[in-house]
Amino acid sequence: MLDKNTLFAVSLFPYLGFLWFLTKSGQTPRLALIGFYVLLIFVAVTIPAGIYARQVYGQELANVDWLHGSAELFLTVSNIFVVLGFRQAVMELRQAKSGDRGQDGEKKP
């Protein structure tokens, strides 16, 4: 069985593939795509934070609240960007659909 650190490192490769396909498709809302990329910052911050927690405090990162919370901030920002990006896309789609209808509710030619 893989330990959690190895699994964490190996999971980066499928995620990079996911980002490549999202970017290449050109269909992902820009703000959401930025949010998915910000998740890489979370990963980049979490690894050294975990090492620091282990060496300075002799604890897992999850047990050093200020350090863990600081790293998790990037995850929160990432999630906010993804949600706002898709929310904006849904609102634009709804607005475009409502603009296609006349006053009587019938679709315009």
PDB file of N, CA and C in Angstrom:
ATOM      1  N   MET A   1       0.838  -1.186   0.000  1.00  0.00           N
ATOM      2  CA  MET A   1       0.000   0.000   0.000  1.00  0.00           C
ATOM      3  C   MET A   1       0.883   1.250   0.000  1.00  0.00           C
ATOM      4  N   LEU A   2       0.473   2.262  -0.760  1.00  0.00           N
ATOM      5  CA  LEU A   2       1.218   3.512  -0.840  1.00  0.00           C
ATOM      6  C   LEU A   2       1.005   4.351   0.409  1.00  0.00           C
ATOM      7  N   ASP A   3       2.069   4.995   0.854  1.00  0.00           N
ATOM      8  CA  ASP A   3       1.867   5.920   1.966  1.00  0.00           C
ATOM      9  C   ASP A   3       1.267   7.215   1.424  1.00  0.00           C
ATOM     10  N   LYS A   4       0.751   8.049   2.305  1.00  0.00           N
ATOM     11  CA  LYS A   4       0.011   9.241   1.887  1.00  0.00           C
ATOM     12  C   LYS A   4       0.880  10.239   1.126  1.00  0.00           C
ATOM     13  N   ASN A   5       2.154  10.335   1.470  1.00  0.00           N
ATOM     14  CA  ASN A   5       3.041  11.276   0.780  1.00  0.00           C
ATOM     15  C   ASN A   5       3.298  10.852  -0.660  1.00  0.00           C
ATOM     16  N   THR A   6       3.486   9.556  -0.871  1.00  0.00           N
ATOM     17  CA  THR A   6       3.688   9.042  -2.225  1.00  0.00           C
ATOM     18  C   THR A   6       2.426   9.224  -3.046  1.00  0.00           C
ATOM     19  N   LEU A   7       1.295   8.917  -2.453  1.00  0.00           N
ATOM     20  CA  LEU A   7       0.017   9.072  -3.144  1.00  0.00           C
ATOM     21  C   LEU A   7      -0.226  10.536  -3.512  1.00  0.00           C
ATOM     22  N   PHE A   8       0.115  11.427  -2.603  1.00  0.00           N
ATOM     23  CA  PHE A   8      -0.018  12.866  -2.850  1.00  0.00           C
ATOM     24  C   PHE A   8       0.832  13.287  -4.052  1.00  0.00           C
ATOM     25  N   ALA A   9       2.073  12.823  -4.096  1.00  0.00           N
ATOM     26  CA  ALA A   9       2.978  13.176  -5.192  1.00  0.00           C
ATOM     27  C   ALA A   9       2.510  12.575  -6.513  1.00  0.00           C
ATOM     28  N   VAL A  10       2.082  11.325  -6.503  1.00  0.00           N
ATOM     29  CA  VAL A  10       1.638  10.652  -7.725  1.00  0.00           C
ATOM     30  C   VAL A  10       0.348  11.278  -8.260  1.00  0.00           C
ATOM     31  N   SER A  11      -0.489  11.781  -7.389  1.00  0.00           N
ATOM     32  CA  SER A  11      -1.761  12.365  -7.820  1.00  0.00           C
ATOM     33  C   SER A  11      -1.567  13.664  -8.602  1.00  0.00           C
ATOM     34  N   LEU A  12      -0.394  14.240  -8.522  1.00  0.00           N
ATOM     35  CA  LEU A  12      -0.114  15.472  -9.253  1.00  0.00           C
ATOM     36  C   LEU A  12      -0.164  15.253 -10.766  1.00  0.00           C
ATOM     37  N   PHE A  13       0.281  14.106 -11.239  1.00  0.00           N
ATOM     38  CA  PHE A  13       0.323  13.847 -12.681  1.00  0.00           C
ATOM     39  C   PHE A  13      -1.059  13.782 -13.328  1.00  0.00           C
ATOM     40  N   PRO A  14      -2.018  13.065 -12.759  1.00  0.00           N
ATOM     41  CA  PRO A  14      -3.361  13.124 -13.354  1.00  0.00           C
ATOM     42  C   PRO A  14      -3.957  14.528 -13.292  1.00  0.00           C
ATOM     43  N   TYR A  15      -3.656  15.267 -12.234  1.00  0.00           N
ATOM     44  CA  TYR A  15      -4.188  16.620 -12.116  1.00  0.00           C
ATOM     45  C   TYR A  15      -3.601  17.530 -13.191  1.00  0.00           C
ATOM     46  N   LEU A  16      -2.326  17.382 -13.471  1.00  0.00           N
ATOM     47  CA  LEU A  16      -1.709  18.173 -14.541  1.00  0.00           C
ATOM     48  C   LEU A  16      -2.337  17.830 -15.892  1.00  0.00           C
ATOM     49  N   GLY A  17      -2.670  16.559 -16.097  1.00  0.00           N
ATOM     50  CA  GLY A  17      -3.379  16.159 -17.314  1.00  0.00           C
ATOM     51  C   GLY A  17      -4.753  16.797 -17.383  1.00  0.00           C
ATOM     52  N   PHE A  18      -5.439  16.817 -16.260  1.00  0.00           N
ATOM     53  CA  PHE A  18      -6.755  17.461 -16.159  1.00  0.00           C
ATOM     54  C   PHE A  18      -6.649  18.940 -16.533  1.00  0.00           C
ATOM     55  N   LEU A  19      -5.648  19.625 -16.007  1.00  0.00           N
ATOM     56  CA  LEU A  19      -5.444  21.041 -16.321  1.00  0.00           C
ATOM     57  C   LEU A  19      -5.138  21.240 -17.801  1.00  0.00           C
ATOM     58  N   TRP A  20      -4.343  20.351 -18.350  1.00  0.00           N
ATOM     59  CA  TRP A  20      -3.991  20.461 -19.768  1.00  0.00           C
ATOM     60  C   TRP A  20      -5.246  20.365 -20.630  1.00  0.00           C
ATOM     61  N   PHE A  21      -6.102  19.369 -20.343  1.00  0.00           N
ATOM     62  CA  PHE A  21      -7.332  19.204 -21.124  1.00  0.00           C
ATOM     63  C   PHE A  21      -8.284  20.384 -20.930  1.00  0.00           C
ATOM     64  N   LEU A  22      -8.412  20.861 -19.700  1.00  0.00           N
ATOM     65  CA  LEU A  22      -9.281  22.022 -19.452  1.00  0.00           C
ATOM     66  C   LEU A  22      -8.806  23.242 -20.232  1.00  0.00           C
ATOM     67  N   THR A  23      -7.510  23.466 -20.195  1.00  0.00           N
ATOM     68  CA  THR A  23      -6.949  24.623 -20.885  1.00  0.00           C
ATOM     69  C   THR A  23      -7.097  24.472 -22.397  1.00  0.00           C
ATOM     70  N   LYS A  24      -6.784  23.305 -22.897  1.00  0.00           N
ATOM     71  CA  LYS A  24      -6.831  23.053 -24.339  1.00  0.00           C
ATOM     72  C   LYS A  24      -8.255  23.128 -24.886  1.00  0.00           C
ATOM     73  N   SER A  25      -9.240  22.741 -24.096  1.00  0.00           N
ATOM     74  CA  SER A  25     -10.633  22.737 -24.572  1.00  0.00           C
ATOM     75  C   SER A  25     -11.129  24.148 -24.859  1.00  0.00           C
ATOM     76  N   GLY A  26     -10.639  25.124 -24.102  1.00  0.00           N
ATOM     77  CA  GLY A  26     -11.078  26.500 -24.284  1.00  0.00           C
ATOM     78  C   GLY A  26     -12.516  26.743 -23.851  1.00  0.00           C
ATOM     79  N   GLN A  27     -13.121  25.785 -23.184  1.00  0.00           N
ATOM     80  CA  GLN A  27     -14.519  25.900 -22.786  1.00  0.00           C
ATOM     81  C   GLN A  27     -14.705  26.166 -21.299  1.00  0.00           C
ATOM     82  N   THR A  28     -13.635  26.154 -20.557  1.00  0.00           N
ATOM     83  CA  THR A  28     -13.724  26.388 -19.116  1.00  0.00           C
ATOM     84  C   THR A  28     -13.698  27.894 -18.863  1.00  0.00           C
ATOM     85  N   PRO A  29     -14.625  28.385 -18.042  1.00  0.00           N
ATOM     86  CA  PRO A  29     -14.605  29.816 -17.712  1.00  0.00           C
ATOM     87  C   PRO A  29     -13.233  30.213 -17.164  1.00  0.00           C
ATOM     88  N   ARG A  30     -12.764  31.371 -17.598  1.00  0.00           N
ATOM     89  CA  ARG A  30     -11.406  31.813 -17.259  1.00  0.00           C
ATOM     90  C   ARG A  30     -11.150  31.857 -15.753  1.00  0.00           C
ATOM     91  N   LEU A  31     -12.074  32.418 -14.991  1.00  0.00           N
ATOM     92  CA  LEU A  31     -11.877  32.516 -13.541  1.00  0.00           C
ATOM     93  C   LEU A  31     -11.835  31.131 -12.903  1.00  0.00           C
ATOM     94  N   ALA A  32     -12.657  30.216 -13.379  1.00  0.00           N
ATOM     95  CA  ALA A  32     -12.631  28.848 -12.854  1.00  0.00           C
ATOM     96  C   ALA A  32     -11.302  28.181 -13.191  1.00  0.00           C
ATOM     97  N   LEU A  33     -10.810  28.397 -14.410  1.00  0.00           N
ATOM     98  CA  LEU A  33      -9.529  27.819 -14.805  1.00  0.00           C
ATOM     99  C   LEU A  33      -8.403  28.360 -13.922  1.00  0.00           C
ATOM    100  N   ILE A  34      -8.451  29.647 -13.632  1.00  0.00           N
ATOM    101  CA  ILE A  34      -7.464  30.240 -12.721  1.00  0.00           C
ATOM    102  C   ILE A  34      -7.551  29.552 -11.355  1.00  0.00           C
ATOM    103  N   GLY A  35      -8.760  29.300 -10.896  1.00  0.00           N
ATOM    104  CA  GLY A  35      -8.945  28.614  -9.618  1.00  0.00           C
ATOM    105  C   GLY A  35      -8.320  27.232  -9.609  1.00  0.00           C
ATOM    106  N   PHE A  36      -8.475  26.499 -10.720  1.00  0.00           N
ATOM    107  CA  PHE A  36      -7.866  25.174 -10.798  1.00  0.00           C
ATOM    108  C   PHE A  36      -6.340  25.272 -10.784  1.00  0.00           C
ATOM    109  N   TYR A  37      -5.795  26.318 -11.377  1.00  0.00           N
ATOM    110  CA  TYR A  37      -4.342  26.517 -11.341  1.00  0.00           C
ATOM    111  C   TYR A  37      -3.876  26.964  -9.958  1.00  0.00           C
ATOM    112  N   VAL A  38      -4.675  27.745  -9.251  1.00  0.00           N
ATOM    113  CA  VAL A  38      -4.316  28.185  -7.895  1.00  0.00           C
ATOM    114  C   VAL A  38      -4.175  26.977  -6.965  1.00  0.00           C
ATOM    115  N   LEU A  39      -4.875  25.904  -7.289  1.00  0.00           N
ATOM    116  CA  LEU A  39      -4.742  24.685  -6.488  1.00  0.00           C
ATOM    117  C   LEU A  39      -3.299  24.181  -6.511  1.00  0.00           C
ATOM    118  N   LEU A  40      -2.589  24.432  -7.606  1.00  0.00           N
ATOM    119  CA  LEU A  40      -1.171  24.056  -7.665  1.00  0.00           C
ATOM    120  C   LEU A  40      -0.356  24.859  -6.652  1.00  0.00           C
ATOM    121  N   ILE A  41      -0.755  26.110  -6.412  1.00  0.00           N
ATOM    122  CA  ILE A  41      -0.070  26.910  -5.388  1.00  0.00           C
ATOM    123  C   ILE A  41      -0.302  26.281  -4.022  1.00  0.00           C
ATOM    124  N   PHE A  42      -1.525  25.814  -3.786  1.00  0.00           N
ATOM    125  CA  PHE A  42      -1.824  25.120  -2.527  1.00  0.00           C
ATOM    126  C   PHE A  42      -0.879  23.934  -2.347  1.00  0.00           C
ATOM    127  N   VAL A  43      -0.707  23.150  -3.400  1.00  0.00           N
ATOM    128  CA  VAL A  43       0.190  21.988  -3.326  1.00  0.00           C
ATOM    129  C   VAL A  43       1.623  22.450  -3.064  1.00  0.00           C
ATOM    130  N   ALA A  44       2.047  23.486  -3.786  1.00  0.00           N
ATOM    131  CA  ALA A  44       3.415  23.987  -3.634  1.00  0.00           C
ATOM    132  C   ALA A  44       3.674  24.538  -2.236  1.00  0.00           C
ATOM    133  N   VAL A  45       2.664  25.082  -1.594  1.00  0.00           N
ATOM    134  CA  VAL A  45       2.816  25.629  -0.242  1.00  0.00           C
ATOM    135  C   VAL A  45       2.707  24.522   0.804  1.00  0.00           C
ATOM    136  N   THR A  46       1.849  23.555   0.572  1.00  0.00           N
ATOM    137  CA  THR A  46       1.596  22.501   1.556  1.00  0.00           C
ATOM    138  C   THR A  46       2.817  21.619   1.782  1.00  0.00           C
ATOM    139  N   ILE A  47       3.536  21.303   0.734  1.00  0.00           N
ATOM    140  CA  ILE A  47       4.694  20.409   0.875  1.00  0.00           C
ATOM    141  C   ILE A  47       5.764  21.016   1.783  1.00  0.00           C
ATOM    142  N   PRO A  48       6.252  22.237   1.511  1.00  0.00           N
ATOM    143  CA  PRO A  48       7.245  22.789   2.445  1.00  0.00           C
ATOM    144  C   PRO A  48       6.677  23.071   3.838  1.00  0.00           C
ATOM    145  N   ALA A  49       5.394  23.413   3.905  1.00  0.00           N
ATOM    146  CA  ALA A  49       4.782  23.642   5.218  1.00  0.00           C
ATOM    147  C   ALA A  49       4.772  22.348   6.035  1.00  0.00           C
ATOM    148  N   GLY A  50       4.505  21.238   5.370  1.00  0.00           N
ATOM    149  CA  GLY A  50       4.531  19.941   6.052  1.00  0.00           C
ATOM    150  C   GLY A  50       5.927  19.587   6.535  1.00  0.00           C
ATOM    151  N   ILE A  51       6.912  19.874   5.719  1.00  0.00           N
ATOM    152  CA  ILE A  51       8.305  19.613   6.105  1.00  0.00           C
ATOM    153  C   ILE A  51       8.691  20.496   7.292  1.00  0.00           C
ATOM    154  N   TYR A  52       8.304  21.766   7.237  1.00  0.00           N
ATOM    155  CA  TYR A  52       8.594  22.697   8.325  1.00  0.00           C
ATOM    156  C   TYR A  52       7.934  22.231   9.630  1.00  0.00           C
ATOM    157  N   ALA A  53       6.666  21.822   9.532  1.00  0.00           N
ATOM    158  CA  ALA A  53       5.947  21.358  10.725  1.00  0.00           C
ATOM    159  C   ALA A  53       6.644  20.148  11.342  1.00  0.00           C
ATOM    160  N   ARG A  54       7.129  19.253  10.490  1.00  0.00           N
ATOM    161  CA  ARG A  54       7.796  18.043  10.972  1.00  0.00           C
ATOM    162  C   ARG A  54       9.138  18.394  11.629  1.00  0.00           C
ATOM    163  N   GLN A  55       9.914  19.255  11.000  1.00  0.00           N
ATOM    164  CA  GLN A  55      11.254  19.535  11.509  1.00  0.00           C
ATOM    165  C   GLN A  55      11.269  20.490  12.698  1.00  0.00           C
ATOM    166  N   VAL A  56      10.410  21.495  12.686  1.00  0.00           N
ATOM    167  CA  VAL A  56      10.429  22.492  13.757  1.00  0.00           C
ATOM    168  C   VAL A  56       9.572  22.059  14.947  1.00  0.00           C
ATOM    169  N   TYR A  57       8.394  21.515  14.669  1.00  0.00           N
ATOM    170  CA  TYR A  57       7.457  21.163  15.738  1.00  0.00           C
ATOM    171  C   TYR A  57       7.391  19.667  16.025  1.00  0.00           C
ATOM    172  N   GLY A  58       7.970  18.855  15.148  1.00  0.00           N
ATOM    173  CA  GLY A  58       7.889  17.401  15.330  1.00  0.00           C
ATOM    174  C   GLY A  58       6.471  16.887  15.183  1.00  0.00           C
ATOM    175  N   GLN A  59       5.647  17.591  14.410  1.00  0.00           N
ATOM    176  CA  GLN A  59       4.223  17.256  14.248  1.00  0.00           C
ATOM    177  C   GLN A  59       3.855  17.158  12.772  1.00  0.00           C
ATOM    178  N   GLU A  60       2.737  16.517  12.523  1.00  0.00           N
ATOM    179  CA  GLU A  60       2.157  16.540  11.182  1.00  0.00           C
ATOM    180  C   GLU A  60       1.633  17.952  10.935  1.00  0.00           C
ATOM    181  N   LEU A  61       1.534  18.332   9.677  1.00  0.00           N
ATOM    182  CA  LEU A  61       1.041  19.671   9.328  1.00  0.00           C
ATOM    183  C   LEU A  61      -0.341  19.923   9.930  1.00  0.00           C
ATOM    184  N   ALA A  62      -1.201  18.936   9.902  1.00  0.00           N
ATOM    185  CA  ALA A  62      -2.570  19.100  10.412  1.00  0.00           C
ATOM    186  C   ALA A  62      -2.604  19.435  11.900  1.00  0.00           C
ATOM    187  N   ASN A  63      -1.535  19.169  12.608  1.00  0.00           N
ATOM    188  CA  ASN A  63      -1.501  19.434  14.053  1.00  0.00           C
ATOM    189  C   ASN A  63      -0.920  20.796  14.414  1.00  0.00           C
ATOM    190  N   VAL A  64      -0.440  21.550  13.422  1.00  0.00           N
ATOM    191  CA  VAL A  64       0.105  22.890  13.675  1.00  0.00           C
ATOM    192  C   VAL A  64      -0.887  23.870  13.053  1.00  0.00           C
ATOM    193  N   ASP A  65      -1.814  24.320  13.880  1.00  0.00           N
ATOM    194  CA  ASP A  65      -2.970  25.066  13.374  1.00  0.00           C
ATOM    195  C   ASP A  65      -2.617  26.274  12.519  1.00  0.00           C
ATOM    196  N   TRP A  66      -1.724  27.138  12.984  1.00  0.00           N
ATOM    197  CA  TRP A  66      -1.439  28.355  12.226  1.00  0.00           C
ATOM    198  C   TRP A  66      -0.819  28.035  10.871  1.00  0.00           C
ATOM    199  N   LEU A  67      -0.002  27.011  10.820  1.00  0.00           N
ATOM    200  CA  LEU A  67       0.658  26.628   9.579  1.00  0.00           C
ATOM    201  C   LEU A  67      -0.324  25.920   8.641  1.00  0.00           C
ATOM    202  N   HIS A  68      -1.108  25.049   9.215  1.00  0.00           N
ATOM    203  CA  HIS A  68      -2.110  24.319   8.435  1.00  0.00           C
ATOM    204  C   HIS A  68      -3.150  25.283   7.867  1.00  0.00           C
ATOM    205  N   GLY A  69      -3.619  26.201   8.687  1.00  0.00           N
ATOM    206  CA  GLY A  69      -4.605  27.179   8.237  1.00  0.00           C
ATOM    207  C   GLY A  69      -4.060  28.078   7.144  1.00  0.00           C
ATOM    208  N   SER A  70      -2.794  28.457   7.263  1.00  0.00           N
ATOM    209  CA  SER A  70      -2.171  29.294   6.242  1.00  0.00           C
ATOM    210  C   SER A  70      -2.085  28.563   4.903  1.00  0.00           C
ATOM    211  N   ALA A  71      -1.745  27.290   4.940  1.00  0.00           N
ATOM    212  CA  ALA A  71      -1.678  26.504   3.706  1.00  0.00           C
ATOM    213  C   ALA A  71      -3.076  26.308   3.122  1.00  0.00           C
ATOM    214  N   GLU A  72      -4.036  26.046   3.978  1.00  0.00           N
ATOM    215  CA  GLU A  72      -5.414  25.806   3.518  1.00  0.00           C
ATOM    216  C   GLU A  72      -6.051  27.057   2.922  1.00  0.00           C
ATOM    217  N   LEU A  73      -5.514  28.221   3.239  1.00  0.00           N
ATOM    218  CA  LEU A  73      -6.013  29.455   2.645  1.00  0.00           C
ATOM    219  C   LEU A  73      -5.974  29.384   1.120  1.00  0.00           C
ATOM    220  N   PHE A  74      -4.917  28.799   0.572  1.00  0.00           N
ATOM    221  CA  PHE A  74      -4.807  28.686  -0.884  1.00  0.00           C
ATOM    222  C   PHE A  74      -5.850  27.734  -1.457  1.00  0.00           C
ATOM    223  N   LEU A  75      -6.206  26.713  -0.709  1.00  0.00           N
ATOM    224  CA  LEU A  75      -7.278  25.814  -1.146  1.00  0.00           C
ATOM    225  C   LEU A  75      -8.611  26.556  -1.163  1.00  0.00           C
ATOM    226  N   THR A  76      -8.850  27.357  -0.151  1.00  0.00           N
ATOM    227  CA  THR A  76     -10.084  28.141  -0.078  1.00  0.00           C
ATOM    228  C   THR A  76     -10.176  29.136  -1.230  1.00  0.00           C
ATOM    229  N   VAL A  77      -9.083  29.834  -1.501  1.00  0.00           N
ATOM    230  CA  VAL A  77      -9.066  30.799  -2.609  1.00  0.00           C
ATOM    231  C   VAL A  77      -9.314  30.079  -3.931  1.00  0.00           C
ATOM    232  N   SER A  78      -8.693  28.934  -4.100  1.00  0.00           N
ATOM    233  CA  SER A  78      -8.894  28.133  -5.308  1.00  0.00           C
ATOM    234  C   SER A  78     -10.369  27.786  -5.481  1.00  0.00           C
ATOM    235  N   ASN A  79     -10.991  27.299  -4.428  1.00  0.00           N
ATOM    236  CA  ASN A  79     -12.412  26.920  -4.490  1.00  0.00           C
ATOM    237  C   ASN A  79     -13.305  28.122  -4.793  1.00  0.00           C
ATOM    238  N   ILE A  80     -12.991  29.254  -4.220  1.00  0.00           N
ATOM    239  CA  ILE A  80     -13.791  30.471  -4.473  1.00  0.00           C
ATOM    240  C   ILE A  80     -13.702  30.857  -5.942  1.00  0.00           C
ATOM    241  N   PHE A  81     -12.499  30.836  -6.514  1.00  0.00           N
ATOM    242  CA  PHE A  81     -12.345  31.175  -7.930  1.00  0.00           C
ATOM    243  C   PHE A  81     -13.120  30.211  -8.822  1.00  0.00           C
ATOM    244  N   VAL A  82     -13.049  28.924  -8.521  1.00  0.00           N
ATOM    245  CA  VAL A  82     -13.761  27.929  -9.336  1.00  0.00           C
ATOM    246  C   VAL A  82     -15.268  28.179  -9.277  1.00  0.00           C
ATOM    247  N   VAL A  83     -15.789  28.371  -8.085  1.00  0.00           N
ATOM    248  CA  VAL A  83     -17.224  28.596  -7.937  1.00  0.00           C
ATOM    249  C   VAL A  83     -17.654  29.888  -8.621  1.00  0.00           C
ATOM    250  N   LEU A  84     -16.922  30.974  -8.403  1.00  0.00           N
ATOM    251  CA  LEU A  84     -17.288  32.243  -9.026  1.00  0.00           C
ATOM    252  C   LEU A  84     -17.186  32.180 -10.550  1.00  0.00           C
ATOM    253  N   GLY A  85     -16.195  31.465 -11.056  1.00  0.00           N
ATOM    254  CA  GLY A  85     -16.043  31.322 -12.498  1.00  0.00           C
ATOM    255  C   GLY A  85     -17.212  30.592 -13.128  1.00  0.00           C
ATOM    256  N   PHE A  86     -17.616  29.479 -12.528  1.00  0.00           N
ATOM    257  CA  PHE A  86     -18.753  28.732 -13.073  1.00  0.00           C
ATOM    258  C   PHE A  86     -20.066  29.470 -12.828  1.00  0.00           C
ATOM    259  N   ARG A  87     -20.162  30.180 -11.719  1.00  0.00           N
ATOM    260  CA  ARG A  87     -21.369  30.976 -11.459  1.00  0.00           C
ATOM    261  C   ARG A  87     -21.535  32.044 -12.530  1.00  0.00           C
ATOM    262  N   GLN A  88     -20.451  32.717 -12.854  1.00  0.00           N
ATOM    263  CA  GLN A  88     -20.493  33.747 -13.886  1.00  0.00           C
ATOM    264  C   GLN A  88     -20.896  33.141 -15.233  1.00  0.00           C
ATOM    265  N   ALA A  89     -20.367  31.971 -15.563  1.00  0.00           N
ATOM    266  CA  ALA A  89     -20.706  31.319 -16.830  1.00  0.00           C
ATOM    267  C   ALA A  89     -22.188  30.952 -16.873  1.00  0.00           C
ATOM    268  N   VAL A  90     -22.724  30.446 -15.767  1.00  0.00           N
ATOM    269  CA  VAL A  90     -24.141  30.086 -15.714  1.00  0.00           C
ATOM    270  C   VAL A  90     -25.005  31.336 -15.860  1.00  0.00           C
ATOM    271  N   MET A  91     -24.623  32.413 -15.183  1.00  0.00           N
ATOM    272  CA  MET A  91     -25.396  33.658 -15.274  1.00  0.00           C
ATOM    273  C   MET A  91     -25.368  34.207 -16.707  1.00  0.00           C
ATOM    274  N   GLU A  92     -24.216  34.153 -17.364  1.00  0.00           N
ATOM    275  CA  GLU A  92     -24.127  34.622 -18.749  1.00  0.00           C
ATOM    276  C   GLU A  92     -24.965  33.763 -19.681  1.00  0.00           C
ATOM    277  N   LEU A  93     -24.969  32.462 -19.452  1.00  0.00           N
ATOM    278  CA  LEU A  93     -25.781  31.555 -20.267  1.00  0.00           C
ATOM    279  C   LEU A  93     -27.267  31.840 -20.072  1.00  0.00           C
ATOM    280  N   ARG A  94     -27.681  32.037 -18.842  1.00  0.00           N
ATOM    281  CA  ARG A  94     -29.090  32.367 -18.574  1.00  0.00           C
ATOM    282  C   ARG A  94     -29.479  33.685 -19.226  1.00  0.00           C
ATOM    283  N   GLN A  95     -28.598  34.657 -19.147  1.00  0.00           N
ATOM    284  CA  GLN A  95     -28.868  35.962 -19.740  1.00  0.00           C
ATOM    285  C   GLN A  95     -28.958  35.844 -21.258  1.00  0.00           C
ATOM    286  N   ALA A  96     -28.098  35.054 -21.849  1.00  0.00           N
ATOM    287  CA  ALA A  96     -28.134  34.865 -23.301  1.00  0.00           C
ATOM    288  C   ALA A  96     -29.421  34.153 -23.713  1.00  0.00           C
ATOM    289  N   LYS A  97     -29.843  33.172 -22.935  1.00  0.00           N
ATOM    290  CA  LYS A  97     -31.084  32.453 -23.251  1.00  0.00           C
ATOM    291  C   LYS A  97     -32.298  33.360 -23.105  1.00  0.00           C
ATOM    292  N   SER A  98     -32.312  34.188 -22.073  1.00  0.00           N
ATOM    293  CA  SER A  98     -33.455  35.083 -21.880  1.00  0.00           C
ATOM    294  C   SER A  98     -33.468  36.167 -22.955  1.00  0.00           C
ATOM    295  N   GLY A  99     -32.328  36.522 -23.488  1.00  0.00           N
ATOM    296  CA  GLY A  99     -32.244  37.494 -24.563  1.00  0.00           C
ATOM    297  C   GLY A  99     -32.736  36.938 -25.885  1.00  0.00           C
ATOM    298  N   ASP A 100     -32.805  35.606 -26.006  1.00  0.00           N
ATOM    299  CA  ASP A 100     -33.285  34.955 -27.224  1.00  0.00           C
ATOM    300  C   ASP A 100     -34.805  34.903 -27.283  1.00  0.00           C
ATOM    301  N   ARG A 101     -35.480  35.308 -26.237  1.00  0.00           N
ATOM    302  CA  ARG A 101     -36.938  35.205 -26.184  1.00  0.00           C
ATOM    303  C   ARG A 101     -37.565  36.593 -26.311  1.00  0.00           C
ATOM    304  N   GLY A 102     -38.663  36.644 -26.989  1.00  0.00           N
ATOM    305  CA  GLY A 102     -39.396  37.899 -27.127  1.00  0.00           C
ATOM    306  C   GLY A 102     -40.237  38.154 -25.875  1.00  0.00           C
ATOM    307  N   GLN A 103     -41.039  39.210 -25.932  1.00  0.00           N
ATOM    308  CA  GLN A 103     -41.868  39.570 -24.765  1.00  0.00           C
ATOM    309  C   GLN A 103     -42.946  38.538 -24.505  1.00  0.00           C
ATOM    310  N   ASP A 104     -43.395  37.830 -25.550  1.00  0.00           N
ATOM    311  CA  ASP A 104     -44.429  36.827 -25.347  1.00  0.00           C
ATOM    312  C   ASP A 104     -43.868  35.481 -24.933  1.00  0.00           C
ATOM    313  N   GLY A 105     -42.547  35.407 -24.766  1.00  0.00           N
ATOM    314  CA  GLY A 105     -41.917  34.167 -24.311  1.00  0.00           C
ATOM    315  C   GLY A 105     -41.526  33.269 -25.457  1.00  0.00           C
ATOM    316  N   GLU A 106     -41.897  33.620 -26.687  1.00  0.00           N
ATOM    317  CA  GLU A 106     -41.548  32.818 -27.840  1.00  0.00           C
ATOM    318  C   GLU A 106     -40.112  33.108 -28.256  1.00  0.00           C
ATOM    319  N   LYS A 107     -39.478  32.097 -28.791  1.00  0.00           N
ATOM    320  CA  LYS A 107     -38.111  32.231 -29.232  1.00  0.00           C
ATOM    321  C   LYS A 107     -38.041  33.132 -30.470  1.00  0.00           C
ATOM    322  N   LYS A 108     -37.077  34.046 -30.489  1.00  0.00           N
ATOM    323  CA  LYS A 108     -36.889  34.938 -31.629  1.00  0.00           C
ATOM    324  C   LYS A 108     -36.244  34.150 -32.769  1.00  0.00           C
ATOM    325  N   PRO A 109     -36.569  34.524 -34.013  1.00  0.00           N
ATOM    326  CA  PRO A 109     -35.955  33.814 -35.156  1.00  0.00           C
ATOM    327  C   PRO A 109     -34.489  34.125 -35.304  1.00  0.00           C
TER     328      PRO A 109
END
